[in-house]
Structure formats: structure tokens, C-alpha cells
């Protein structure tokens, strides 16, 4: 499994048509194809390019559907933190409007271990939720030795829980929320991004704004997705500290994106058991 494999992606990946070619991955996240680690890494650091790990994951039946990397002034673009989202080539878990995914994070500058998380992509709004570690434990592998097999095994282990994830989504779809419950959820979600509510300078109800007709249902799943999209994509009107009307910014930090997504999933899971 450690050997370099043919990374070409089949033209008929049955679960989706938006899988990325390797050239597309390279354009979006050049750090995946780094040839060496950053000079500041320690002698104990074992450099294995993400490209080689991706080869192992593809050999195990996963294909990349999204690639992003951080923009940093400290590390070069070939060593920055980067994330790949992957799906199983033939997905057996059926959801009404979503597809389960593996979220793979890495860097070549010593700031991040190999990390695997469970994600879920909602087709309607092209949003990618990331499930919290508390709900479904992720996998973290240090840069020590030849870790390709360990990462691939971790991805397979996470994907074995896709059926459980689907069941949780279906329970969220069935859980109806009253208006007060939606506002309470939005308030809790706002504190995830703005611990000091005065800093937010806007109302929690703005996070409940519906951007498309498919998000109108008053269930927990639709509420979670409305709040997540509004919180992460930004564009909501607010009053700046200088008294001028401004708009919230889109979250572009990979680390902050994963943190907020995980906490939002926790909040929704808490509603299910309340």
C-alpha cells in the first residue's frame, strides 16, 4: 500500500461527477505536492508528501472532491497547512441532500500532524459541514516514520461510521424546532464565533436567514445548515465599532473553519438529546 500508485481518477466515479483531477488538486493546493519539508522542522520529523498519502487513499477507494490550503506569510505555499475532502468512489450511504466525506488535513512546516475527520457535504447549498471529534472521534498521526498505511486505515475506520452519521442526520431532519428554539440555537452558534456578543454587533436572528427555498423547513437539520452557512460565509449586516454599517467577513482560515464547524455539530447533537 505504500508503493506509488496510478493516481488517475476514473471518468465514471459513480457517486459524483465533481471529483478533482490531480492537476486541479495541484492548482488549488500546491502544498499537496511538496518535494521536501520546511527547513525549520526538527530532525525527528519524517517527510512524506501528501501526494503519497493521497495515492494510498485513492488506492483504498477514495477520490478527492475539494482541495484548499492556507495563505500564510510565514511558510511558503509548498509547506502551508492544506486540506483535502474525499468521498468513497462507490457510496452506499443514501441521504436526501448530503454525501458523507473524509476530511484530511496536513502541513509540511511542522504546524500540523496528519489529521482525519468526518465531514458531510450538503449538495443543495454546496456547504461542507465537519463533524466534531466528540461526536465521531477523528484520527491524528504524527510525522514519524512511514505513516501511509496508518492514515489509510484511519480513513477506512472513519468511513465505517458513515451509516451512524446518516442516522444522526435523519434524526435532525425529523426534529422540529419552534421559533424560540431556533433563536436559542442561533444565539449559541453566534457565541462560537463571537465569544463576546458585543463584538458581533448583530442579532442572532440574522443567522437564521434563509438563502434558498430548500432551507425553509423548521427542522434541526435545516436550521443547522442555515446558521452554518451564514456564520461561515459572512455577508451579514452589522454595525462596526466606528458606528458604520459593515458586513461580516467570510471565514477563510482552515483551522477556524474546522473549529466552528465542529462546535456547531456539537450544538445540534445537544439539541437531539435535550
C-alpha atoms as a PDB file:
ATOM      1  CA  UNK A   1       0.000   0.000   0.000  1.00  0.00           C
ATOM      2  CA  UNK A   2       2.997   2.284   0.391  1.00  0.00           C
ATOM      3  CA  UNK A   3       4.021   1.997  -3.251  1.00  0.00           C
ATOM      4  CA  UNK A   4       3.354   4.949  -5.535  1.00  0.00           C
ATOM      5  CA  UNK A   5       0.097   4.177  -7.332  1.00  0.00           C
ATOM      6  CA  UNK A   6      -1.505   5.354 -10.536  1.00  0.00           C
ATOM      7  CA  UNK A   7      -3.401   8.446  -9.373  1.00  0.00           C
ATOM      8  CA  UNK A   8      -5.668   8.863 -12.374  1.00  0.00           C
ATOM      9  CA  UNK A   9      -9.318   9.255 -11.422  1.00  0.00           C
ATOM     10  CA  UNK A  10     -11.908   7.097 -13.216  1.00  0.00           C
ATOM     11  CA  UNK A  11     -14.115   9.083 -15.580  1.00  0.00           C
ATOM     12  CA  UNK A  12     -17.206   7.363 -14.195  1.00  0.00           C
ATOM     13  CA  UNK A  13     -16.935   7.719 -10.427  1.00  0.00           C
ATOM     14  CA  UNK A  14     -20.464   6.545  -9.684  1.00  0.00           C
ATOM     15  CA  UNK A  15     -21.219   8.628  -6.597  1.00  0.00           C
ATOM     16  CA  UNK A  16     -20.486  12.027  -8.146  1.00  0.00           C
ATOM     17  CA  UNK A  17     -19.240  13.906 -11.174  1.00  0.00           C
ATOM     18  CA  UNK A  18     -17.239  16.620  -9.416  1.00  0.00           C
ATOM     19  CA  UNK A  19     -14.130  14.667  -8.407  1.00  0.00           C
ATOM     20  CA  UNK A  20     -10.871  16.555  -8.941  1.00  0.00           C
ATOM     21  CA  UNK A  21      -8.072  15.622 -11.277  1.00  0.00           C
ATOM     22  CA  UNK A  22      -4.554  15.737  -9.878  1.00  0.00           C
ATOM     23  CA  UNK A  23      -3.888  18.887 -11.871  1.00  0.00           C
ATOM     24  CA  UNK A  24      -6.896  20.543 -10.251  1.00  0.00           C
ATOM     25  CA  UNK A  25      -5.644  19.474  -6.822  1.00  0.00           C
ATOM     26  CA  UNK A  26      -2.221  20.950  -7.655  1.00  0.00           C
ATOM     27  CA  UNK A  27      -3.751  24.262  -8.730  1.00  0.00           C
ATOM     28  CA  UNK A  28      -5.846  24.594  -5.589  1.00  0.00           C
ATOM     29  CA  UNK A  29      -3.369  23.204  -3.052  1.00  0.00           C
ATOM     30  CA  UNK A  30       0.243  23.067  -4.324  1.00  0.00           C
ATOM     31  CA  UNK A  31       1.441  22.026  -0.859  1.00  0.00           C
ATOM     32  CA  UNK A  32      -0.016  18.567  -1.536  1.00  0.00           C
ATOM     33  CA  UNK A  33       2.874  18.050  -3.968  1.00  0.00           C
ATOM     34  CA  UNK A  34       5.705  19.464  -1.829  1.00  0.00           C
ATOM     35  CA  UNK A  35       9.083  17.846  -2.515  1.00  0.00           C
ATOM     36  CA  UNK A  36      10.573  18.490   0.938  1.00  0.00           C
ATOM     37  CA  UNK A  37       9.631  19.668   4.406  1.00  0.00           C
ATOM     38  CA  UNK A  38      10.188  23.216   5.610  1.00  0.00           C
ATOM     39  CA  UNK A  39      13.729  23.884   6.814  1.00  0.00           C
ATOM     40  CA  UNK A  40      12.524  24.667  10.331  1.00  0.00           C
ATOM     41  CA  UNK A  41      11.215  21.149  11.011  1.00  0.00           C
ATOM     42  CA  UNK A  42      13.137  19.041  13.547  1.00  0.00           C
ATOM     43  CA  UNK A  43      15.441  16.106  12.660  1.00  0.00           C
ATOM     44  CA  UNK A  44      12.767  13.764  14.078  1.00  0.00           C
ATOM     45  CA  UNK A  45      10.266  14.966  11.501  1.00  0.00           C
ATOM     46  CA  UNK A  46       9.661  12.394   8.755  1.00  0.00           C
ATOM     47  CA  UNK A  47       8.693  13.985   5.468  1.00  0.00           C
ATOM     48  CA  UNK A  48       6.126  12.068   3.458  1.00  0.00           C
ATOM     49  CA  UNK A  49       4.382  14.225   0.847  1.00  0.00           C
ATOM     50  CA  UNK A  50       0.626  14.462   0.981  1.00  0.00           C
ATOM     51  CA  UNK A  51       0.672  13.295  -2.633  1.00  0.00           C
ATOM     52  CA  UNK A  52       1.861   9.881  -1.459  1.00  0.00           C
ATOM     53  CA  UNK A  53      -0.815   9.704   1.236  1.00  0.00           C
ATOM     54  CA  UNK A  54      -3.407  10.711  -1.361  1.00  0.00           C
ATOM     55  CA  UNK A  55      -2.186   7.841  -3.529  1.00  0.00           C
ATOM     56  CA  UNK A  56      -2.824   5.444  -0.663  1.00  0.00           C
ATOM     57  CA  UNK A  57      -6.285   6.855  -0.027  1.00  0.00           C
ATOM     58  CA  UNK A  58      -7.205   6.613  -3.703  1.00  0.00           C
ATOM     59  CA  UNK A  59      -5.929   3.059  -3.802  1.00  0.00           C
ATOM     60  CA  UNK A  60      -8.327   2.319  -0.927  1.00  0.00           C
ATOM     61  CA  UNK A  61     -11.315   3.659  -2.872  1.00  0.00           C
ATOM     62  CA  UNK A  62     -11.444   7.379  -2.033  1.00  0.00           C
ATOM     63  CA  UNK A  63     -11.373  10.250  -4.548  1.00  0.00           C
ATOM     64  CA  UNK A  64     -10.652  13.946  -3.877  1.00  0.00           C
ATOM     65  CA  UNK A  65     -13.521  16.387  -4.400  1.00  0.00           C
ATOM     66  CA  UNK A  66     -12.075  19.530  -2.799  1.00  0.00           C
ATOM     67  CA  UNK A  67      -8.594  20.898  -2.110  1.00  0.00           C
ATOM     68  CA  UNK A  68      -7.692  24.079  -0.224  1.00  0.00           C
ATOM     69  CA  UNK A  69      -4.685  25.481   1.547  1.00  0.00           C
ATOM     70  CA  UNK A  70      -3.935  28.285   3.956  1.00  0.00           C
ATOM     71  CA  UNK A  71      -2.450  31.572   2.821  1.00  0.00           C
ATOM     72  CA  UNK A  72       0.423  32.351   5.143  1.00  0.00           C
ATOM     73  CA  UNK A  73       3.317  34.769   5.192  1.00  0.00           C
ATOM     74  CA  UNK A  74       5.413  32.504   7.421  1.00  0.00           C
ATOM     75  CA  UNK A  75       5.539  29.276   5.427  1.00  0.00           C
ATOM     76  CA  UNK A  76       5.892  29.008   1.665  1.00  0.00           C
ATOM     77  CA  UNK A  77       2.923  27.866  -0.380  1.00  0.00           C
ATOM     78  CA  UNK A  78       4.572  24.441  -0.676  1.00  0.00           C
ATOM     79  CA  UNK A  79       4.615  23.892   3.089  1.00  0.00           C
ATOM     80  CA  UNK A  80       1.382  25.538   4.246  1.00  0.00           C
ATOM     81  CA  UNK A  81      -1.487  23.806   6.005  1.00  0.00           C
ATOM     82  CA  UNK A  82      -3.798  22.179   3.448  1.00  0.00           C
ATOM     83  CA  UNK A  83      -6.996  20.184   3.454  1.00  0.00           C
ATOM     84  CA  UNK A  84      -8.471  17.572   1.120  1.00  0.00           C
ATOM     85  CA  UNK A  85     -12.047  16.384   1.178  1.00  0.00           C
ATOM     86  CA  UNK A  86     -12.573  12.875  -0.187  1.00  0.00           C
ATOM     87  CA  UNK A  87     -15.522  10.605  -0.856  1.00  0.00           C
ATOM     88  CA  UNK A  88     -15.783   6.897  -1.347  1.00  0.00           C
ATOM     89  CA  UNK A  89     -15.756   6.020  -5.028  1.00  0.00           C
ATOM     90  CA  UNK A  90     -18.945   3.988  -4.615  1.00  0.00           C
ATOM     91  CA  UNK A  91     -21.023   5.367  -1.770  1.00  0.00           C
ATOM     92  CA  UNK A  92     -23.659   3.068  -0.262  1.00  0.00           C
ATOM     93  CA  UNK A  93     -24.998   5.505   2.348  1.00  0.00           C
ATOM     94  CA  UNK A  94     -28.041   7.301   0.965  1.00  0.00           C
ATOM     95  CA  UNK A  95     -29.073  10.711   2.324  1.00  0.00           C
ATOM     96  CA  UNK A  96     -31.712  13.058   0.921  1.00  0.00           C
ATOM     97  CA  UNK A  97     -29.417  16.011   0.251  1.00  0.00           C
ATOM     98  CA  UNK A  98     -25.933  15.157   1.532  1.00  0.00           C
ATOM     99  CA  UNK A  99     -22.887  12.966   0.959  1.00  0.00           C
ATOM    100  CA  UNK A 100     -20.518  11.763   3.739  1.00  0.00           C
ATOM    101  CA  UNK A 101     -16.836  12.631   3.348  1.00  0.00           C
ATOM    102  CA  UNK A 102     -13.379  12.214   4.825  1.00  0.00           C
ATOM    103  CA  UNK A 103     -11.617  15.490   5.667  1.00  0.00           C
ATOM    104  CA  UNK A 104      -7.814  15.173   5.570  1.00  0.00           C
ATOM    105  CA  UNK A 105      -5.608  17.949   6.982  1.00  0.00           C
ATOM    106  CA  UNK A 106      -1.812  18.191   6.843  1.00  0.00           C
ATOM    107  CA  UNK A 107       1.111  20.607   6.562  1.00  0.00           C
ATOM    108  CA  UNK A 108       4.821  20.307   5.776  1.00  0.00           C
ATOM    109  CA  UNK A 109       6.031  23.038   8.111  1.00  0.00           C
ATOM    110  CA  UNK A 110       5.684  21.219  11.423  1.00  0.00           C
ATOM    111  CA  UNK A 111       2.470  23.025  12.469  1.00  0.00           C
ATOM    112  CA  UNK A 112       0.080  20.131  11.908  1.00  0.00           C
ATOM    113  CA  UNK A 113       0.045  16.368  12.172  1.00  0.00           C
ATOM    114  CA  UNK A 114      -1.871  14.250   9.667  1.00  0.00           C
ATOM    115  CA  UNK A 115      -5.497  14.641  10.737  1.00  0.00           C
ATOM    116  CA  UNK A 116      -8.611  12.833   9.562  1.00  0.00           C
ATOM    117  CA  UNK A 117     -12.123  13.989  10.383  1.00  0.00           C
ATOM    118  CA  UNK A 118     -15.596  13.029   9.276  1.00  0.00           C
ATOM    119  CA  UNK A 119     -17.398  15.539   7.068  1.00  0.00           C
ATOM    120  CA  UNK A 120     -20.693  15.826   5.279  1.00  0.00           C
ATOM    121  CA  UNK A 121     -21.336  17.745   2.059  1.00  0.00           C
ATOM    122  CA  UNK A 122     -24.792  19.191   1.530  1.00  0.00           C
ATOM    123  CA  UNK A 123     -25.486  19.238  -2.196  1.00  0.00           C
ATOM    124  CA  UNK A 124     -28.228  21.876  -2.043  1.00  0.00           C
ATOM    125  CA  UNK A 125     -26.007  24.671  -0.744  1.00  0.00           C
ATOM    126  CA  UNK A 126     -22.545  23.252  -1.529  1.00  0.00           C
ATOM    127  CA  UNK A 127     -21.710  23.535   2.163  1.00  0.00           C
ATOM    128  CA  UNK A 128     -19.229  21.226   3.807  1.00  0.00           C
ATOM    129  CA  UNK A 129     -20.000  20.535   7.450  1.00  0.00           C
ATOM    130  CA  UNK A 130     -17.262  18.972   9.574  1.00  0.00           C
ATOM    131  CA  UNK A 131     -18.419  16.673  12.346  1.00  0.00           C
ATOM    132  CA  UNK A 132     -16.982  17.265  15.792  1.00  0.00           C
ATOM    133  CA  UNK A 133     -14.374  14.985  17.314  1.00  0.00           C
ATOM    134  CA  UNK A 134     -16.669  14.499  20.274  1.00  0.00           C
ATOM    135  CA  UNK A 135     -19.469  13.019  18.156  1.00  0.00           C
ATOM    136  CA  UNK A 136     -17.203  10.910  15.953  1.00  0.00           C
ATOM    137  CA  UNK A 137     -13.535  10.701  17.008  1.00  0.00           C
ATOM    138  CA  UNK A 138     -11.030  11.624  14.335  1.00  0.00           C
ATOM    139  CA  UNK A 139      -7.562  10.278  13.673  1.00  0.00           C
ATOM    140  CA  UNK A 140      -4.312  12.132  14.348  1.00  0.00           C
ATOM    141  CA  UNK A 141      -0.988  10.729  13.091  1.00  0.00           C
ATOM    142  CA  UNK A 142       2.373  12.347  13.876  1.00  0.00           C
ATOM    143  CA  UNK A 143       5.070  12.830  11.235  1.00  0.00           C
ATOM    144  CA  UNK A 144       7.067   9.852  12.481  1.00  0.00           C
ATOM    145  CA  UNK A 145       8.043   7.001  10.173  1.00  0.00           C
ATOM    146  CA  UNK A 146       6.171   5.665   7.165  1.00  0.00           C
ATOM    147  CA  UNK A 147       2.591   6.526   8.080  1.00  0.00           C
ATOM    148  CA  UNK A 148       0.713   5.968   4.803  1.00  0.00           C
ATOM    149  CA  UNK A 149      -0.863   2.691   5.887  1.00  0.00           C
ATOM    150  CA  UNK A 150      -1.857   4.192   9.245  1.00  0.00           C
ATOM    151  CA  UNK A 151      -3.622   7.142   7.605  1.00  0.00           C
ATOM    152  CA  UNK A 152      -5.421   4.912   5.100  1.00  0.00           C
ATOM    153  CA  UNK A 153      -6.537   2.564   7.871  1.00  0.00           C
ATOM    154  CA  UNK A 154      -7.831   5.559   9.821  1.00  0.00           C
ATOM    155  CA  UNK A 155      -9.837   6.781   6.822  1.00  0.00           C
ATOM    156  CA  UNK A 156     -11.392   3.351   6.347  1.00  0.00           C
ATOM    157  CA  UNK A 157     -12.240   3.170  10.043  1.00  0.00           C
ATOM    158  CA  UNK A 158     -13.953   6.564   9.911  1.00  0.00           C
ATOM    159  CA  UNK A 159     -15.894   5.653   6.761  1.00  0.00           C
ATOM    160  CA  UNK A 160     -17.271   2.595   8.551  1.00  0.00           C
ATOM    161  CA  UNK A 161     -19.252   5.053  10.698  1.00  0.00           C
ATOM    162  CA  UNK A 162     -20.989   6.738   7.764  1.00  0.00           C
ATOM    163  CA  UNK A 163     -24.170   4.733   8.436  1.00  0.00           C
ATOM    164  CA  UNK A 164     -24.260   6.054  12.011  1.00  0.00           C
ATOM    165  CA  UNK A 165     -23.704   9.581  10.714  1.00  0.00           C
ATOM    166  CA  UNK A 166     -26.604   9.168   8.268  1.00  0.00           C
ATOM    167  CA  UNK A 167     -28.862   8.093  11.111  1.00  0.00           C
ATOM    168  CA  UNK A 168     -27.958  11.218  13.073  1.00  0.00           C
ATOM    169  CA  UNK A 169     -28.747  13.428  10.075  1.00  0.00           C
ATOM    170  CA  UNK A 170     -32.124  11.745   9.661  1.00  0.00           C
ATOM    171  CA  UNK A 171     -32.918  12.392  13.338  1.00  0.00           C
ATOM    172  CA  UNK A 172     -32.012  16.061  12.826  1.00  0.00           C
ATOM    173  CA  UNK A 173     -34.394  16.204   9.858  1.00  0.00           C
ATOM    174  CA  UNK A 174     -37.179  14.745  11.999  1.00  0.00           C
ATOM    175  CA  UNK A 175     -36.597  17.102  14.955  1.00  0.00           C
ATOM    176  CA  UNK A 176     -38.819  20.144  14.509  1.00  0.00           C
ATOM    177  CA  UNK A 177     -37.755  23.413  16.153  1.00  0.00           C
ATOM    178  CA  UNK A 178     -40.087  26.116  17.415  1.00  0.00           C
ATOM    179  CA  UNK A 179     -39.185  29.729  16.738  1.00  0.00           C
ATOM    180  CA  UNK A 180     -37.750  30.227  20.228  1.00  0.00           C
ATOM    181  CA  UNK A 181     -35.668  27.064  19.870  1.00  0.00           C
ATOM    182  CA  UNK A 182     -34.221  28.284  16.579  1.00  0.00           C
ATOM    183  CA  UNK A 183     -33.295  31.629  18.156  1.00  0.00           C
ATOM    184  CA  UNK A 184     -31.686  29.843  21.091  1.00  0.00           C
ATOM    185  CA  UNK A 185     -29.640  27.715  18.698  1.00  0.00           C
ATOM    186  CA  UNK A 186     -28.597  30.775  16.681  1.00  0.00           C
ATOM    187  CA  UNK A 187     -27.540  32.596  19.850  1.00  0.00           C
ATOM    188  CA  UNK A 188     -25.395  29.666  20.968  1.00  0.00           C
ATOM    189  CA  UNK A 189     -23.887  29.425  17.468  1.00  0.00           C
ATOM    190  CA  UNK A 190     -23.031  33.131  17.426  1.00  0.00           C
ATOM    191  CA  UNK A 191     -21.019  32.767  20.638  1.00  0.00           C
ATOM    192  CA  UNK A 192     -18.893  30.124  18.899  1.00  0.00           C
ATOM    193  CA  UNK A 193     -17.554  32.775  16.524  1.00  0.00           C
ATOM    194  CA  UNK A 194     -18.034  35.774  18.828  1.00  0.00           C
ATOM    195  CA  UNK A 195     -17.493  34.810  22.495  1.00  0.00           C
ATOM    196  CA  UNK A 196     -18.138  38.479  23.304  1.00  0.00           C
ATOM    197  CA  UNK A 197     -21.615  39.142  21.896  1.00  0.00           C
ATOM    198  CA  UNK A 198     -20.926  42.882  21.897  1.00  0.00           C
ATOM    199  CA  UNK A 199     -18.229  42.212  19.299  1.00  0.00           C
ATOM    200  CA  UNK A 200     -20.776  40.577  16.993  1.00  0.00           C
ATOM    201  CA  UNK A 201     -22.829  43.798  16.744  1.00  0.00           C
ATOM    202  CA  UNK A 202     -25.739  41.929  15.169  1.00  0.00           C
ATOM    203  CA  UNK A 203     -28.739  39.852  16.147  1.00  0.00           C
ATOM    204  CA  UNK A 204     -28.764  36.015  16.365  1.00  0.00           C
ATOM    205  CA  UNK A 205     -31.889  36.005  14.196  1.00  0.00           C
ATOM    206  CA  UNK A 206     -29.722  37.079  11.256  1.00  0.00           C
ATOM    207  CA  UNK A 207     -28.085  33.641  11.306  1.00  0.00           C
ATOM    208  CA  UNK A 208     -31.494  32.108  10.591  1.00  0.00           C
ATOM    209  CA  UNK A 209     -31.785  33.938   7.275  1.00  0.00           C
ATOM    210  CA  UNK A 210     -32.942  31.549   4.565  1.00  0.00           C
ATOM    211  CA  UNK A 211     -30.923  31.802   1.338  1.00  0.00           C
ATOM    212  CA  UNK A 212     -32.898  29.227  -0.663  1.00  0.00           C
ATOM    213  CA  UNK A 213     -36.312  27.577  -0.605  1.00  0.00           C
ATOM    214  CA  UNK A 214     -34.845  24.185   0.365  1.00  0.00           C
ATOM    215  CA  UNK A 215     -33.744  25.660   3.698  1.00  0.00           C
ATOM    216  CA  UNK A 216     -37.229  26.779   4.772  1.00  0.00           C
ATOM    217  CA  UNK A 217     -38.218  23.721   6.870  1.00  0.00           C
ATOM    218  CA  UNK A 218     -38.165  24.395  10.604  1.00  0.00           C
ATOM    219  CA  UNK A 219     -36.245  21.261  11.485  1.00  0.00           C
ATOM    220  CA  UNK A 220     -32.877  20.984  13.188  1.00  0.00           C
ATOM    221  CA  UNK A 221     -31.010  19.920  10.026  1.00  0.00           C
ATOM    222  CA  UNK A 222     -32.174  22.937   8.003  1.00  0.00           C
ATOM    223  CA  UNK A 223     -31.557  25.258  10.948  1.00  0.00           C
ATOM    224  CA  UNK A 224     -28.029  23.925  11.406  1.00  0.00           C
ATOM    225  CA  UNK A 225     -27.233  24.434   7.729  1.00  0.00           C
ATOM    226  CA  UNK A 226     -28.732  27.940   7.612  1.00  0.00           C
ATOM    227  CA  UNK A 227     -26.751  29.001  10.662  1.00  0.00           C
ATOM    228  CA  UNK A 228     -23.542  27.346   9.458  1.00  0.00           C
ATOM    229  CA  UNK A 229     -23.690  28.987   6.039  1.00  0.00           C
ATOM    230  CA  UNK A 230     -24.473  32.437   7.404  1.00  0.00           C
ATOM    231  CA  UNK A 231     -21.822  32.201  10.102  1.00  0.00           C
ATOM    232  CA  UNK A 232     -19.019  30.978   7.831  1.00  0.00           C
ATOM    233  CA  UNK A 233     -19.811  32.700   4.535  1.00  0.00           C
ATOM    234  CA  UNK A 234     -20.387  36.094   6.110  1.00  0.00           C
ATOM    235  CA  UNK A 235     -22.083  38.959   4.268  1.00  0.00           C
ATOM    236  CA  UNK A 236     -24.441  39.772   7.159  1.00  0.00           C
ATOM    237  CA  UNK A 237     -25.002  43.425   8.020  1.00  0.00           C
ATOM    238  CA  UNK A 238     -23.541  44.637  11.316  1.00  0.00           C
ATOM    239  CA  UNK A 239     -22.502  47.878  12.968  1.00  0.00           C
ATOM    240  CA  UNK A 240     -18.733  48.323  13.176  1.00  0.00           C
ATOM    241  CA  UNK A 241     -17.013  49.773  16.235  1.00  0.00           C
ATOM    242  CA  UNK A 242     -16.789  53.154  14.479  1.00  0.00           C
ATOM    243  CA  UNK A 243     -20.563  53.234  14.061  1.00  0.00           C
ATOM    244  CA  UNK A 244     -20.556  52.470  10.353  1.00  0.00           C
ATOM    245  CA  UNK A 245     -22.623  49.766   8.744  1.00  0.00           C
ATOM    246  CA  UNK A 246     -20.417  46.893   7.566  1.00  0.00           C
ATOM    247  CA  UNK A 247     -20.745  43.187   6.780  1.00  0.00           C
ATOM    248  CA  UNK A 248     -19.371  40.089   8.452  1.00  0.00           C
ATOM    249  CA  UNK A 249     -16.336  38.528   6.809  1.00  0.00           C
ATOM    250  CA  UNK A 250     -16.141  35.056   5.344  1.00  0.00           C
ATOM    251  CA  UNK A 251     -14.129  32.557   7.400  1.00  0.00           C
ATOM    252  CA  UNK A 252     -11.068  31.656   5.311  1.00  0.00           C
ATOM    253  CA  UNK A 253      -8.824  30.115   7.996  1.00  0.00           C
ATOM    254  CA  UNK A 254      -8.769  26.319   7.664  1.00  0.00           C
ATOM    255  CA  UNK A 255      -8.265  25.885  11.403  1.00  0.00           C
ATOM    256  CA  UNK A 256     -11.114  28.262  12.297  1.00  0.00           C
ATOM    257  CA  UNK A 257     -13.383  26.653   9.702  1.00  0.00           C
ATOM    258  CA  UNK A 258     -12.864  23.239  11.285  1.00  0.00           C
ATOM    259  CA  UNK A 259     -13.251  24.577  14.829  1.00  0.00           C
ATOM    260  CA  UNK A 260     -16.524  26.382  14.155  1.00  0.00           C
ATOM    261  CA  UNK A 261     -17.966  23.503  12.135  1.00  0.00           C
ATOM    262  CA  UNK A 262     -17.164  21.017  14.880  1.00  0.00           C
ATOM    263  CA  UNK A 263     -18.739  23.184  17.584  1.00  0.00           C
ATOM    264  CA  UNK A 264     -21.890  23.732  15.515  1.00  0.00           C
ATOM    265  CA  UNK A 265     -22.283  19.981  15.124  1.00  0.00           C
ATOM    266  CA  UNK A 266     -21.918  19.618  18.894  1.00  0.00           C
ATOM    267  CA  UNK A 267     -24.678  22.185  19.449  1.00  0.00           C
ATOM    268  CA  UNK A 268     -27.014  20.326  17.096  1.00  0.00           C
ATOM    269  CA  UNK A 269     -26.211  16.998  18.749  1.00  0.00           C
ATOM    270  CA  UNK A 270     -27.066  18.539  22.129  1.00  0.00           C
ATOM    271  CA  UNK A 271     -30.484  19.547  20.830  1.00  0.00           C
ATOM    272  CA  UNK A 272     -31.139  15.951  19.785  1.00  0.00           C
ATOM    273  CA  UNK A 273     -30.578  14.632  23.309  1.00  0.00           C
ATOM    274  CA  UNK A 274     -32.280  17.526  25.115  1.00  0.00           C
END
